[in-house]
Amino acid sequence: MPEQQRVFIAGGTTTPFDYPLNLQIEEMTANCIKQLYHDVPEFHLRDVRDHGMVVYSHFSVHFSHQLTAYWILHDHLGLVGVPHFRIDNGGNTGGSALYAAYALVRAGLADVVPVIGYELMGSVSQSKGSEFIAIASDTRYEAMLGANYTNYYAGLARVFMEKHNVTEEEFAEIAVKNKNNAMATGEKTQHFRKVGKKLTVDDIMNSRLIAYPLKKFDCCFMSEGAAVVLVTNEKFAKQYSPDHSVEIAGAGLSSCTIRAGDRYNFPGWTQRYGKGYPGLGEFGACRHAAEIAYKMADIPWKDSYKHLDVAEVHDAFSSSEAQIYNALGWCESIPVKDFINDKLPMMEGEIPTNPGGGLIGYGHPVGATGLMSTIECYYQLTGLIPREHRSTENEVKDAEVGLINSHAGTGTSISNFVLRRI
């Protein structure tokens, strides 16, 4: 049996995220590889042929109108003969694909694994796109009622608000943070490209109501884009990026019920956390995946945020970011309401969260999203923010430990990773 290997991220890049981006998936991916060659000049795809495989991250064939579209990408990149497979796991597709690459390298089955993610959501109207995404819920019981994920998350947000005394304005603070961080990140982000200015809490509160308590600017944009993350063992990390590699020090992946209403007294959670958890207001899979990742990285659960310098989390909605604070163990000693109002997740706070803009600011082309979060965290830990953003406004100085969170469904599949600068 191969020996277990330490796992590293040696590089990564994204296209701009936009709707529509007006690029085919071959162009998106080739642009990312071209930029990766520029940033990591010692890397070449021939290394994958000799030492690894490719993991593709793609959510929905409905958007690409092509089954196994990654076969086309693989051919386009000249990778015939190289093993490949695709991961599809809802909004956690990118995180799950990263987990698959991590597992391959960790197990010694591969040494170099590019993770390539993409989504072509601009191929259909936004209403049709929302319908496609909605059928990731249970089509027999939920989607047939005409609901979509904004409706679902609005319901979860209402329960969370009542339980934790959180207000719409506090959700809006999160949305403002992420949109304004995206302005510093620059032209790759969809908020910069589509809105092009910093916003205020009043701007969020006055935007169109979608499903109470969520307004237009509490929600991420439908997006197109691609991203590539280069996952390697220690030998290739030192060869490719001796000064700009980070170790995946902890990795956790967990699941919950597809139907949120089934989360009361579900045996798997009752046995682990006690009766009533997670209900509709909490993300049990996020908590479980965080516990696993923290344990691997020797991070204590209580006040875990004090052991992290930066985080990129899945904020499809401002409310879900607040829920994730709780699920990551950050609010064990401080109520989530105070965690927000005391500005702990802001750029000036103890755990700057989504300095890259998150989904609300950067965009959410599903197959690429978790990889974008990974890349933004990687840039922070390797000191590459000034180069990549051409700004230091959203740089977390001297960051050494970061967290990545990727999230699917209404919390149906969630991954958490701890990255550490070496």
Protein backbone atom coordinates (compact mmCIF):
# COMPACT_ATOMS: atom_id res chain seq x y z
CA MET A 1 0.00 0.00 0.00
CA PRO A 2 1.28 3.54 -0.74
CA GLU A 3 2.26 5.61 2.28
CA GLN A 4 0.12 8.54 3.35
CA GLN A 5 1.43 11.83 2.02
CA ARG A 6 1.10 15.40 3.23
CA VAL A 7 -1.12 17.42 0.88
CA PHE A 8 -0.47 20.92 -0.42
CA ILE A 9 -1.94 23.60 -2.64
CA ALA A 10 0.78 24.92 -4.94
CA GLY A 11 -1.27 27.35 -7.03
CA GLY A 12 -4.64 28.35 -8.33
CA THR A 13 -6.51 30.88 -10.41
CA THR A 14 -9.98 31.84 -11.62
CA THR A 15 -11.53 33.50 -14.61
CA PRO A 16 -13.65 36.53 -13.90
CA PHE A 17 -17.11 35.57 -12.61
CA ASP A 18 -20.02 37.19 -14.44
CA TYR A 19 -23.43 36.55 -16.04
CA PRO A 20 -23.06 35.99 -18.90
CA LEU A 21 -19.30 35.66 -19.27
CA ASN A 22 -19.63 34.87 -23.00
CA LEU A 23 -16.96 32.17 -22.99
CA GLN A 24 -17.23 28.48 -23.73
CA ILE A 25 -16.00 26.02 -21.12
CA GLU A 26 -12.93 25.22 -23.23
CA GLU A 27 -11.96 28.92 -23.27
CA MET A 28 -12.61 29.34 -19.54
CA THR A 29 -10.48 26.36 -18.64
CA ALA A 30 -7.66 27.12 -21.07
CA ASN A 31 -7.49 30.69 -19.73
CA CYS A 32 -7.10 29.34 -16.19
CA ILE A 33 -4.37 26.89 -17.21
CA LYS A 34 -2.56 29.63 -19.13
CA GLN A 35 -2.62 31.87 -16.04
CA LEU A 36 -1.50 28.96 -13.86
CA TYR A 37 1.51 28.46 -16.15
CA HIS A 38 2.34 32.13 -15.66
CA ASP A 39 1.97 31.99 -11.87
CA VAL A 40 3.58 28.56 -11.38
CA PRO A 41 6.10 28.34 -14.26
CA GLU A 42 7.60 25.04 -13.06
CA PHE A 43 4.23 23.30 -13.51
CA HIS A 44 3.13 21.68 -16.77
CA LEU A 45 0.18 19.46 -17.61
CA ARG A 46 2.61 16.74 -18.74
CA ASP A 47 3.38 16.28 -15.03
CA VAL A 48 -0.23 15.21 -14.53
CA ARG A 49 0.20 12.63 -17.27
CA ASP A 50 3.19 11.16 -15.48
CA HIS A 51 2.27 11.64 -11.83
CA GLY A 52 -1.44 12.14 -11.33
CA MET A 53 -4.96 12.64 -12.59
CA VAL A 54 -7.58 15.38 -12.98
CA VAL A 55 -10.69 15.98 -10.88
CA TYR A 56 -13.42 18.00 -12.60
CA SER A 57 -15.92 20.03 -10.60
CA HIS A 58 -19.22 20.62 -12.43
CA PHE A 59 -22.67 20.88 -10.89
CA SER A 60 -25.32 20.67 -13.60
CA VAL A 61 -25.41 19.29 -17.13
CA HIS A 62 -28.64 21.28 -17.62
CA PHE A 63 -26.59 24.44 -18.02
CA SER A 64 -23.94 23.02 -20.33
CA HIS A 65 -26.51 21.08 -22.43
CA GLN A 66 -23.90 18.36 -22.62
CA LEU A 67 -23.53 15.15 -20.67
CA THR A 68 -19.96 14.52 -19.49
CA ALA A 69 -18.85 17.94 -20.72
CA TYR A 70 -15.58 17.42 -18.89
CA TRP A 71 -14.64 14.82 -21.51
CA ILE A 72 -14.55 17.67 -24.01
CA LEU A 73 -12.37 19.75 -21.67
CA HIS A 74 -10.01 16.84 -21.13
CA ASP A 75 -9.53 16.43 -24.88
CA HIS A 76 -9.12 20.18 -25.35
CA LEU A 77 -6.32 20.24 -22.76
CA GLY A 78 -4.50 17.40 -24.52
CA LEU A 79 -4.84 15.03 -21.59
CA VAL A 80 -5.79 11.83 -23.39
CA GLY A 81 -4.60 8.87 -21.32
CA VAL A 82 -4.71 10.80 -18.03
CA PRO A 83 -7.26 9.42 -15.54
CA HIS A 84 -10.16 11.77 -14.80
CA PHE A 85 -13.54 11.92 -13.14
CA ARG A 86 -16.19 14.47 -12.30
CA ILE A 87 -17.61 15.47 -8.91
CA ASP A 88 -21.19 16.80 -8.63
CA ASN A 89 -22.35 17.63 -5.11
CA GLY A 90 -24.58 20.70 -5.37
CA GLY A 91 -23.13 23.92 -4.02
CA ASN A 92 -20.44 21.81 -2.34
CA THR A 93 -19.23 20.52 -5.71
CA GLY A 94 -16.01 22.55 -5.54
CA GLY A 95 -15.32 21.61 -1.93
CA SER A 96 -16.08 17.97 -2.62
CA ALA A 97 -13.78 17.96 -5.66
CA LEU A 98 -11.02 19.47 -3.53
CA TYR A 99 -11.68 16.75 -0.94
CA ALA A 100 -11.37 14.08 -3.65
CA ALA A 101 -8.02 15.52 -4.79
CA TYR A 102 -6.88 15.72 -1.17
CA ALA A 103 -7.82 12.06 -0.62
CA LEU A 104 -6.00 10.93 -3.76
CA VAL A 105 -2.76 12.65 -2.83
CA ARG A 106 -3.07 11.78 0.86
CA ALA A 107 -3.48 8.10 -0.01
CA GLY A 108 -0.45 8.17 -2.32
CA LEU A 109 -2.54 7.33 -5.38
CA ALA A 110 -1.51 10.53 -7.16
CA ASP A 111 1.11 13.23 -6.69
CA VAL A 112 -0.24 16.05 -8.87
CA VAL A 113 -4.01 16.65 -9.15
CA PRO A 114 -5.40 19.78 -10.81
CA VAL A 115 -9.00 20.40 -9.72
CA ILE A 116 -10.85 22.12 -12.57
CA GLY A 117 -14.26 23.66 -11.89
CA TYR A 118 -16.70 25.48 -14.15
CA GLU A 119 -20.34 26.37 -14.74
CA LEU A 120 -22.18 27.85 -17.74
CA MET A 121 -25.25 29.30 -16.02
CA GLY A 122 -25.68 32.07 -18.57
CA SER A 123 -26.87 29.58 -21.16
CA VAL A 124 -30.42 29.97 -19.82
CA SER A 125 -32.55 32.76 -18.35
CA GLN A 126 -32.24 33.50 -14.63
CA SER A 127 -35.74 32.14 -13.97
CA LYS A 128 -34.91 28.91 -15.79
CA GLY A 129 -31.59 28.77 -13.94
CA SER A 130 -33.40 29.08 -10.61
CA GLU A 131 -35.66 26.24 -11.71
CA PHE A 132 -32.68 24.04 -12.58
CA ILE A 133 -31.09 24.71 -9.20
CA ALA A 134 -34.40 24.07 -7.43
CA ILE A 135 -34.56 20.52 -8.74
CA ALA A 136 -31.55 19.77 -6.55
CA SER A 137 -34.20 19.67 -3.82
CA ASP A 138 -36.54 16.68 -3.57
CA THR A 139 -38.55 16.89 -6.79
CA ARG A 140 -41.30 14.68 -5.35
CA TYR A 141 -42.01 16.76 -2.27
CA GLU A 142 -40.39 20.20 -2.54
CA ALA A 143 -39.63 21.41 -6.06
CA MET A 144 -43.09 20.45 -7.30
CA LEU A 145 -44.57 23.05 -4.93
CA GLY A 146 -42.80 25.81 -6.88
CA ALA A 147 -40.24 26.62 -4.21
CA ASN A 148 -36.64 27.61 -4.92
CA TYR A 149 -33.58 27.92 -2.74
CA THR A 150 -34.21 31.54 -1.80
CA ASN A 151 -37.54 30.41 -0.34
CA TYR A 152 -35.88 27.56 1.49
CA TYR A 153 -33.16 29.75 3.00
CA ALA A 154 -35.64 32.44 3.93
CA GLY A 155 -37.47 29.88 6.06
CA LEU A 156 -34.26 28.72 7.70
CA ALA A 157 -33.30 32.35 8.31
CA ARG A 158 -36.61 33.06 10.09
CA VAL A 159 -36.06 30.17 12.49
CA PHE A 160 -32.47 31.30 13.08
CA MET A 161 -33.55 34.91 13.71
CA GLU A 162 -36.07 33.87 16.34
CA LYS A 163 -33.69 31.47 18.06
CA HIS A 164 -30.73 33.88 18.22
CA ASN A 165 -32.47 37.28 18.21
CA VAL A 166 -30.73 38.24 14.95
CA THR A 167 -32.20 41.03 12.81
CA GLU A 168 -32.41 41.76 9.08
CA GLU A 169 -29.95 44.61 9.59
CA GLU A 170 -27.38 42.22 11.01
CA PHE A 171 -27.72 40.02 7.95
CA ALA A 172 -27.32 43.19 5.87
CA GLU A 173 -24.02 43.95 7.65
CA ILE A 174 -22.69 40.66 6.31
CA ALA A 175 -23.87 41.44 2.78
CA VAL A 176 -22.26 44.90 2.88
CA LYS A 177 -18.99 43.42 4.12
CA ASN A 178 -18.78 40.91 1.31
CA LYS A 179 -19.86 43.23 -1.49
CA ASN A 180 -17.44 45.92 -0.39
CA ASN A 181 -14.63 43.39 -0.03
CA ALA A 182 -15.33 42.38 -3.64
CA MET A 183 -14.71 45.95 -4.73
CA ALA A 184 -11.18 45.67 -3.32
CA THR A 185 -10.70 42.27 -4.97
CA GLY A 186 -11.43 43.95 -8.28
CA GLU A 187 -12.43 43.13 -11.82
CA LYS A 188 -12.71 39.37 -11.41
CA THR A 189 -15.67 39.77 -9.06
CA GLN A 190 -19.22 40.03 -10.28
CA HIS A 191 -20.18 42.82 -7.89
CA PHE A 192 -17.32 44.96 -9.22
CA ARG A 193 -18.34 44.21 -12.81
CA LYS A 194 -22.11 44.57 -12.40
CA VAL A 195 -22.62 47.10 -9.56
CA GLY A 196 -19.22 48.77 -9.41
CA LYS A 197 -19.49 50.63 -6.12
CA LYS A 198 -19.44 50.10 -2.39
CA LEU A 199 -22.80 49.75 -0.66
CA THR A 200 -24.32 50.56 2.72
CA VAL A 201 -26.69 48.70 5.01
CA ASP A 202 -29.45 50.99 3.71
CA ASP A 203 -28.67 49.87 0.16
CA ILE A 204 -29.14 46.25 1.21
CA MET A 205 -32.30 46.95 3.18
CA ASN A 206 -33.83 49.00 0.35
CA SER A 207 -33.10 46.45 -2.36
CA ARG A 208 -36.03 44.44 -3.69
CA LEU A 209 -37.56 41.89 -1.32
CA ILE A 210 -37.14 38.35 -2.68
CA ALA A 211 -38.36 36.17 0.21
CA TYR A 212 -38.53 37.64 3.71
CA PRO A 213 -36.09 38.41 5.27
CA LEU A 214 -33.86 38.15 2.17
CA LYS A 215 -33.56 41.08 -0.20
CA LYS A 216 -31.88 41.14 -3.59
CA PHE A 217 -28.50 42.20 -2.19
CA ASP A 218 -28.65 39.55 0.54
CA CYS A 219 -28.37 36.96 -2.24
CA CYS A 220 -25.50 35.86 -4.47
CA PHE A 221 -25.67 36.40 -8.21
CA MET A 222 -26.23 33.70 -10.80
CA SER A 223 -22.84 33.40 -12.44
CA GLU A 224 -20.53 31.86 -14.99
CA GLY A 225 -16.84 31.16 -14.56
CA ALA A 226 -14.07 28.64 -14.03
CA ALA A 227 -11.31 27.98 -11.52
CA VAL A 228 -8.32 25.67 -11.14
CA VAL A 229 -6.60 24.58 -7.91
CA LEU A 230 -3.29 22.69 -8.09
CA VAL A 231 -3.14 19.99 -5.38
CA THR A 232 0.17 18.17 -4.89
CA ASN A 233 2.30 16.18 -2.50
CA GLU A 234 5.22 17.81 -0.65
CA LYS A 235 7.81 17.02 -3.31
CA PHE A 236 5.93 18.79 -6.10
CA ALA A 237 4.84 21.67 -3.86
CA LYS A 238 8.51 22.41 -3.20
CA GLN A 239 9.32 22.05 -6.89
CA TYR A 240 6.46 24.25 -8.14
CA SER A 241 5.99 26.84 -5.40
CA PRO A 242 8.69 26.72 -2.73
CA ASP A 243 7.65 30.16 -1.46
CA HIS A 244 3.92 29.99 -2.17
CA SER A 245 2.52 26.67 -0.99
CA VAL A 246 0.08 25.92 1.80
CA GLU A 247 -0.68 22.62 3.49
CA ILE A 248 -4.16 21.20 3.79
CA ALA A 249 -3.83 20.57 7.52
CA GLY A 250 -7.41 19.42 8.06
CA ALA A 251 -10.26 18.23 5.85
CA GLY A 252 -13.81 17.36 6.84
CA LEU A 253 -16.80 16.34 4.72
CA SER A 254 -20.25 15.56 6.07
CA SER A 255 -23.90 15.27 5.04
CA CYS A 256 -27.40 16.03 6.25
CA THR A 257 -30.92 15.30 5.01
CA ILE A 258 -31.96 16.65 1.63
CA ARG A 259 -35.27 17.85 3.12
CA ALA A 260 -34.66 20.37 5.89
CA GLY A 261 -37.90 19.38 7.59
CA ASP A 262 -36.45 15.94 8.32
CA ARG A 263 -33.79 17.39 10.64
CA TYR A 264 -35.80 17.14 13.81
CA ASN A 265 -34.83 14.15 15.96
CA PHE A 266 -32.97 12.47 13.12
CA PRO A 267 -31.09 9.53 14.69
CA GLY A 268 -27.67 10.40 13.29
CA TRP A 269 -27.77 13.84 14.90
CA THR A 270 -29.65 12.88 18.07
CA GLN A 271 -27.01 10.30 18.95
CA ARG A 272 -24.19 12.77 18.27
CA TYR A 273 -25.52 16.09 19.59
CA GLY A 274 -28.72 15.43 21.51
CA LYS A 275 -32.43 15.80 20.84
CA GLY A 276 -33.61 18.73 18.73
CA TYR A 277 -30.35 19.46 16.90
CA PRO A 278 -29.96 20.80 14.25
CA GLY A 279 -33.61 21.56 13.50
CA LEU A 280 -34.20 24.17 10.82
CA GLY A 281 -31.89 26.84 12.18
CA GLU A 282 -28.51 25.10 12.34
CA PHE A 283 -26.21 23.25 9.93
CA GLY A 284 -25.34 19.89 11.47
CA ALA A 285 -23.17 18.77 8.54
CA CYS A 286 -21.10 21.94 8.85
CA ARG A 287 -20.52 21.35 12.55
CA HIS A 288 -19.54 17.72 11.99
CA ALA A 289 -17.19 18.52 9.07
CA ALA A 290 -15.60 21.33 11.12
CA GLU A 291 -15.01 19.01 14.08
CA ILE A 292 -13.19 16.57 11.79
CA ALA A 293 -11.05 19.26 10.14
CA TYR A 294 -10.23 20.97 13.45
CA LYS A 295 -9.19 17.68 15.05
CA MET A 296 -6.80 16.93 12.17
CA ALA A 297 -5.33 20.44 12.42
CA ASP A 298 -5.14 20.48 16.26
CA ILE A 299 -7.60 23.36 16.58
CA PRO A 300 -9.88 23.33 19.65
CA TRP A 301 -13.62 23.54 19.09
CA LYS A 302 -14.43 26.26 21.59
CA ASP A 303 -13.50 29.71 20.30
CA SER A 304 -11.97 28.05 17.25
CA TYR A 305 -11.98 31.38 15.41
CA LYS A 306 -9.19 32.57 17.70
CA HIS A 307 -6.95 29.94 16.13
CA LEU A 308 -7.73 31.06 12.57
CA ASP A 309 -6.52 34.19 10.79
CA VAL A 310 -8.89 34.27 7.81
CA ALA A 311 -11.87 32.37 6.41
CA GLU A 312 -13.70 32.04 3.11
CA VAL A 313 -17.19 30.60 3.66
CA HIS A 314 -20.21 29.80 1.51
CA ASP A 315 -22.46 32.86 1.69
CA ALA A 316 -25.07 32.12 -0.97
CA PHE A 317 -27.24 34.25 1.33
CA SER A 318 -26.16 36.66 4.06
CA SER A 319 -28.27 34.69 6.53
CA SER A 320 -26.44 31.44 5.76
CA GLU A 321 -23.09 33.04 6.56
CA ALA A 322 -24.42 33.91 10.02
CA GLN A 323 -25.62 30.34 10.44
CA ILE A 324 -22.18 29.07 9.42
CA TYR A 325 -20.52 31.17 12.16
CA ASN A 326 -22.51 29.10 14.66
CA ALA A 327 -21.87 25.79 12.92
CA LEU A 328 -18.10 26.37 12.86
CA GLY A 329 -18.03 26.74 16.65
CA TRP A 330 -17.19 30.44 16.51
CA CYS A 331 -20.07 31.49 18.76
CA GLU A 332 -19.65 29.09 21.66
CA SER A 333 -18.65 31.95 24.00
CA ILE A 334 -20.31 34.90 22.27
CA PRO A 335 -23.85 35.09 20.82
CA VAL A 336 -23.88 35.22 17.03
CA LYS A 337 -25.68 38.58 17.21
CA ASP A 338 -22.78 40.06 19.17
CA PHE A 339 -20.26 38.27 16.96
CA ILE A 340 -21.61 40.33 14.04
CA ASN A 341 -22.17 43.61 15.90
CA ASP A 342 -18.72 43.48 17.47
CA LYS A 343 -17.36 43.20 13.91
CA LEU A 344 -15.38 40.02 14.52
CA PRO A 345 -15.87 38.79 10.89
CA MET A 346 -15.11 42.20 9.35
CA MET A 347 -11.73 43.13 7.86
CA GLU A 348 -10.80 44.89 11.11
CA GLY A 349 -12.05 42.00 13.26
CA GLU A 350 -10.45 38.91 14.76
CA ILE A 351 -11.48 36.54 11.96
CA PRO A 352 -11.88 38.41 8.64
CA THR A 353 -14.42 36.34 6.73
CA ASN A 354 -14.82 36.43 2.97
CA PRO A 355 -12.23 39.16 2.37
CA GLY A 356 -12.30 38.09 -1.27
CA GLY A 357 -16.00 38.95 -1.48
CA GLY A 358 -17.54 35.53 -1.01
CA LEU A 359 -20.37 34.36 -3.22
CA ILE A 360 -22.35 37.56 -2.59
CA GLY A 361 -19.49 39.67 -3.93
CA TYR A 362 -17.42 37.41 -6.19
CA GLY A 363 -20.21 35.28 -7.70
CA HIS A 364 -21.44 31.70 -7.63
CA PRO A 365 -20.80 29.59 -10.77
CA VAL A 366 -21.44 26.47 -8.74
CA GLY A 367 -18.73 24.09 -9.97
CA ALA A 368 -16.08 26.80 -9.59
CA THR A 369 -17.27 28.42 -6.36
CA GLY A 370 -15.60 26.28 -3.69
CA LEU A 371 -12.38 26.47 -5.69
CA MET A 372 -12.61 30.27 -5.80
CA SER A 373 -12.92 30.30 -2.00
CA THR A 374 -9.87 28.04 -1.79
CA ILE A 375 -7.85 30.28 -4.09
CA GLU A 376 -8.74 33.45 -2.19
CA CYS A 377 -7.69 31.83 1.10
CA TYR A 378 -4.51 30.53 -0.57
CA TYR A 379 -3.66 34.06 -1.75
CA GLN A 380 -4.07 35.41 1.79
CA LEU A 381 -1.83 32.76 3.34
CA THR A 382 0.93 33.12 0.74
CA GLY A 383 1.08 36.92 0.69
CA LEU A 384 -0.15 37.10 -2.91
CA ILE A 385 -3.09 39.47 -2.36
CA PRO A 386 -1.19 42.61 -3.49
CA ARG A 387 -0.17 40.84 -6.71
CA GLU A 388 -3.56 39.30 -7.43
CA HIS A 389 -5.88 42.10 -6.29
CA ARG A 390 -3.53 45.00 -7.08
CA SER A 391 -4.65 46.33 -3.71
CA THR A 392 -3.99 45.69 -0.05
CA GLU A 393 -7.38 46.95 1.13
CA ASN A 394 -8.67 43.45 1.78
CA GLU A 395 -5.35 41.81 2.67
CA VAL A 396 -5.13 40.01 6.01
CA LYS A 397 -1.58 40.79 7.06
CA ASP A 398 0.64 37.87 8.11
CA ALA A 399 -2.17 35.30 7.90
CA GLU A 400 -0.89 31.81 8.68
CA VAL A 401 -4.00 29.65 9.20
CA GLY A 402 -7.17 29.81 7.12
CA LEU A 403 -10.49 28.04 6.81
CA ILE A 404 -12.48 27.18 3.69
CA ASN A 405 -16.15 26.23 3.84
CA SER A 406 -18.22 24.86 0.95
CA HIS A 407 -21.93 24.15 1.25
CA ALA A 408 -24.70 22.41 -0.72
CA GLY A 409 -28.48 22.26 -0.67
CA THR A 410 -29.93 23.65 2.54
CA GLY A 411 -26.91 22.21 4.32
CA THR A 412 -27.20 18.76 2.73
CA SER A 413 -23.46 18.40 2.05
CA ILE A 414 -20.76 20.55 3.62
CA SER A 415 -16.97 20.49 3.59
CA ASN A 416 -14.48 22.38 5.73
CA PHE A 417 -10.72 22.65 5.26
CA VAL A 418 -7.98 24.14 7.40
CA LEU A 419 -5.06 25.54 5.39
CA ARG A 420 -1.72 26.35 6.98
CA ARG A 421 1.16 28.37 5.60
CA ILE A 422 4.44 26.42 5.53
